[in-house]
Amino acid sequence: MPPVTAWGIGEPRPTPLAGSAWEPGGSTLGGHPDWIDDPVYPPCLRCGRAMPYLGMITMRDLWAGPADGCWYLFADLGCRMTATVYQQS
């Protein structure tokens, strides 16, 4: 079981591109995704449009030990639908 970590809002990043799928502390809300593989914007299951990007959570921020991979978060607020995409190197 991974140790419990305190999550919170950190300092603003210097640019919207400053998040990192590879480094500890790289998780973000907003900004632009740092894709590990090709970009994937899932379609909304209600309207079919590509869902807007919300943020990403890196595995290095979830696990204390060695880890790779990243969860990308999406939400269509108008349709009240959410989705995640996981990519691993």
C-alpha atoms as a PDB file:
ATOM      1  CA  MET A   1       0.000   0.000   0.000  1.00  0.00           C
ATOM      2  CA  PRO A   2       1.439   3.405  -0.925  1.00  0.00           C
ATOM      3  CA  PRO A   3       2.066   5.915   1.838  1.00  0.00           C
ATOM      4  CA  VAL A   4      -0.507   8.662   2.255  1.00  0.00           C
ATOM      5  CA  THR A   5       0.718  11.955   0.836  1.00  0.00           C
ATOM      6  CA  ALA A   6      -0.651  15.385   1.493  1.00  0.00           C
ATOM      7  CA  TRP A   7      -2.026  16.908  -1.706  1.00  0.00           C
ATOM      8  CA  GLY A   8      -2.659  20.566  -2.099  1.00  0.00           C
ATOM      9  CA  ILE A   9      -2.530  23.506  -4.426  1.00  0.00           C
ATOM     10  CA  GLY A  10       1.059  24.532  -5.049  1.00  0.00           C
ATOM     11  CA  GLU A  11       2.615  27.640  -6.461  1.00  0.00           C
ATOM     12  CA  PRO A  12       1.568  28.599 -10.007  1.00  0.00           C
ATOM     13  CA  ARG A  13       3.797  27.133 -12.696  1.00  0.00           C
ATOM     14  CA  PRO A  14       5.885  29.635 -14.682  1.00  0.00           C
ATOM     15  CA  THR A  15       4.135  28.591 -17.936  1.00  0.00           C
ATOM     16  CA  PRO A  16       1.166  26.357 -18.865  1.00  0.00           C
ATOM     17  CA  LEU A  17       3.746  23.911 -20.297  1.00  0.00           C
ATOM     18  CA  ALA A  18       5.653  23.429 -17.023  1.00  0.00           C
ATOM     19  CA  GLY A  19       3.929  20.209 -15.888  1.00  0.00           C
ATOM     20  CA  SER A  20       5.927  16.989 -16.272  1.00  0.00           C
ATOM     21  CA  ALA A  21       4.716  13.433 -16.759  1.00  0.00           C
ATOM     22  CA  TRP A  22       8.217  12.229 -15.856  1.00  0.00           C
ATOM     23  CA  GLU A  23       9.246  14.094 -12.695  1.00  0.00           C
ATOM     24  CA  PRO A  24       7.955  13.969  -9.106  1.00  0.00           C
ATOM     25  CA  GLY A  25       5.828  17.049  -8.498  1.00  0.00           C
ATOM     26  CA  GLY A  26       4.848  17.196 -12.166  1.00  0.00           C
ATOM     27  CA  SER A  27       1.093  16.755 -11.611  1.00  0.00           C
ATOM     28  CA  THR A  28      -1.034  19.731 -12.655  1.00  0.00           C
ATOM     29  CA  LEU A  29      -4.522  21.172 -12.775  1.00  0.00           C
ATOM     30  CA  GLY A  30      -5.012  23.025 -16.042  1.00  0.00           C
ATOM     31  CA  GLY A  31      -2.222  23.970 -18.390  1.00  0.00           C
ATOM     32  CA  HIS A  32      -1.198  21.620 -21.188  1.00  0.00           C
ATOM     33  CA  PRO A  33      -0.609  17.871 -20.964  1.00  0.00           C
ATOM     34  CA  ASP A  34       2.929  16.508 -21.144  1.00  0.00           C
ATOM     35  CA  TRP A  35       2.057  13.430 -23.220  1.00  0.00           C
ATOM     36  CA  ILE A  36       4.128  10.280 -22.785  1.00  0.00           C
ATOM     37  CA  ASP A  37       2.751   8.818 -26.032  1.00  0.00           C
ATOM     38  CA  ASP A  38       0.625  10.361 -28.776  1.00  0.00           C
ATOM     39  CA  PRO A  39      -2.053  12.850 -27.629  1.00  0.00           C
ATOM     40  CA  VAL A  40      -5.442  11.284 -26.855  1.00  0.00           C
ATOM     41  CA  TYR A  41      -8.494  13.465 -26.260  1.00  0.00           C
ATOM     42  CA  PRO A  42     -11.376  11.090 -25.476  1.00  0.00           C
ATOM     43  CA  PRO A  43     -14.788  11.813 -27.009  1.00  0.00           C
ATOM     44  CA  CYS A  44     -17.665  12.684 -24.708  1.00  0.00           C
ATOM     45  CA  LEU A  45     -20.034   9.727 -24.534  1.00  0.00           C
ATOM     46  CA  ARG A  46     -23.053  12.062 -24.687  1.00  0.00           C
ATOM     47  CA  CYS A  47     -22.206  14.589 -27.418  1.00  0.00           C
ATOM     48  CA  GLY A  48     -19.232  12.981 -29.190  1.00  0.00           C
ATOM     49  CA  ARG A  49     -16.971  16.063 -29.014  1.00  0.00           C
ATOM     50  CA  ALA A  50     -13.387  15.770 -27.791  1.00  0.00           C
ATOM     51  CA  MET A  51     -13.329  16.402 -24.039  1.00  0.00           C
ATOM     52  CA  PRO A  52     -11.344  19.361 -22.680  1.00  0.00           C
ATOM     53  CA  TYR A  53      -8.172  18.606 -20.738  1.00  0.00           C
ATOM     54  CA  LEU A  54      -8.405  19.170 -16.987  1.00  0.00           C
ATOM     55  CA  GLY A  55      -5.064  18.059 -15.560  1.00  0.00           C
ATOM     56  CA  MET A  56      -2.671  15.162 -15.040  1.00  0.00           C
ATOM     57  CA  ILE A  57      -1.492  13.071 -12.118  1.00  0.00           C
ATOM     58  CA  THR A  58       1.878  11.392 -12.424  1.00  0.00           C
ATOM     59  CA  MET A  59       2.518   8.001 -10.916  1.00  0.00           C
ATOM     60  CA  ARG A  60       5.644   9.474  -9.297  1.00  0.00           C
ATOM     61  CA  ASP A  61       3.338  11.716  -7.279  1.00  0.00           C
ATOM     62  CA  LEU A  62       1.146   8.758  -6.255  1.00  0.00           C
ATOM     63  CA  TRP A  63       3.801   6.197  -5.285  1.00  0.00           C
ATOM     64  CA  ALA A  64       6.862   6.683  -3.091  1.00  0.00           C
ATOM     65  CA  GLY A  65       8.978   4.150  -4.995  1.00  0.00           C
ATOM     66  CA  PRO A  66       9.998   3.944  -8.631  1.00  0.00           C
ATOM     67  CA  ALA A  67       7.002   4.425 -10.904  1.00  0.00           C
ATOM     68  CA  ASP A  68       6.256   5.634 -14.375  1.00  0.00           C
ATOM     69  CA  GLY A  69       3.099   6.597 -16.165  1.00  0.00           C
ATOM     70  CA  CYS A  70       0.573   9.378 -15.990  1.00  0.00           C
ATOM     71  CA  TRP A  71      -3.208   9.759 -15.658  1.00  0.00           C
ATOM     72  CA  TYR A  72      -4.667  12.491 -17.889  1.00  0.00           C
ATOM     73  CA  LEU A  73      -7.992  13.923 -16.699  1.00  0.00           C
ATOM     74  CA  PHE A  74     -10.785  15.275 -18.944  1.00  0.00           C
ATOM     75  CA  ALA A  75     -14.235  16.731 -18.314  1.00  0.00           C
ATOM     76  CA  ASP A  76     -17.149  17.901 -20.442  1.00  0.00           C
ATOM     77  CA  LEU A  77     -18.898  20.141 -17.916  1.00  0.00           C
ATOM     78  CA  GLY A  78     -21.870  20.804 -20.201  1.00  0.00           C
ATOM     79  CA  CYS A  79     -22.634  17.096 -20.517  1.00  0.00           C
ATOM     80  CA  ARG A  80     -21.441  16.304 -16.975  1.00  0.00           C
ATOM     81  CA  MET A  81     -19.095  13.580 -18.214  1.00  0.00           C
ATOM     82  CA  THR A  82     -15.519  12.809 -17.201  1.00  0.00           C
ATOM     83  CA  ALA A  83     -12.804  10.521 -18.549  1.00  0.00           C
ATOM     84  CA  THR A  84      -9.229   9.515 -17.848  1.00  0.00           C
ATOM     85  CA  VAL A  85      -6.455   8.313 -20.126  1.00  0.00           C
ATOM     86  CA  TYR A  86      -3.448   6.432 -18.770  1.00  0.00           C
ATOM     87  CA  GLN A  87      -0.131   6.346 -20.611  1.00  0.00           C
ATOM     88  CA  GLN A  88       3.000   4.518 -19.562  1.00  0.00           C
ATOM     89  CA  SER A  89       6.460   4.627 -21.077  1.00  0.00           C
END
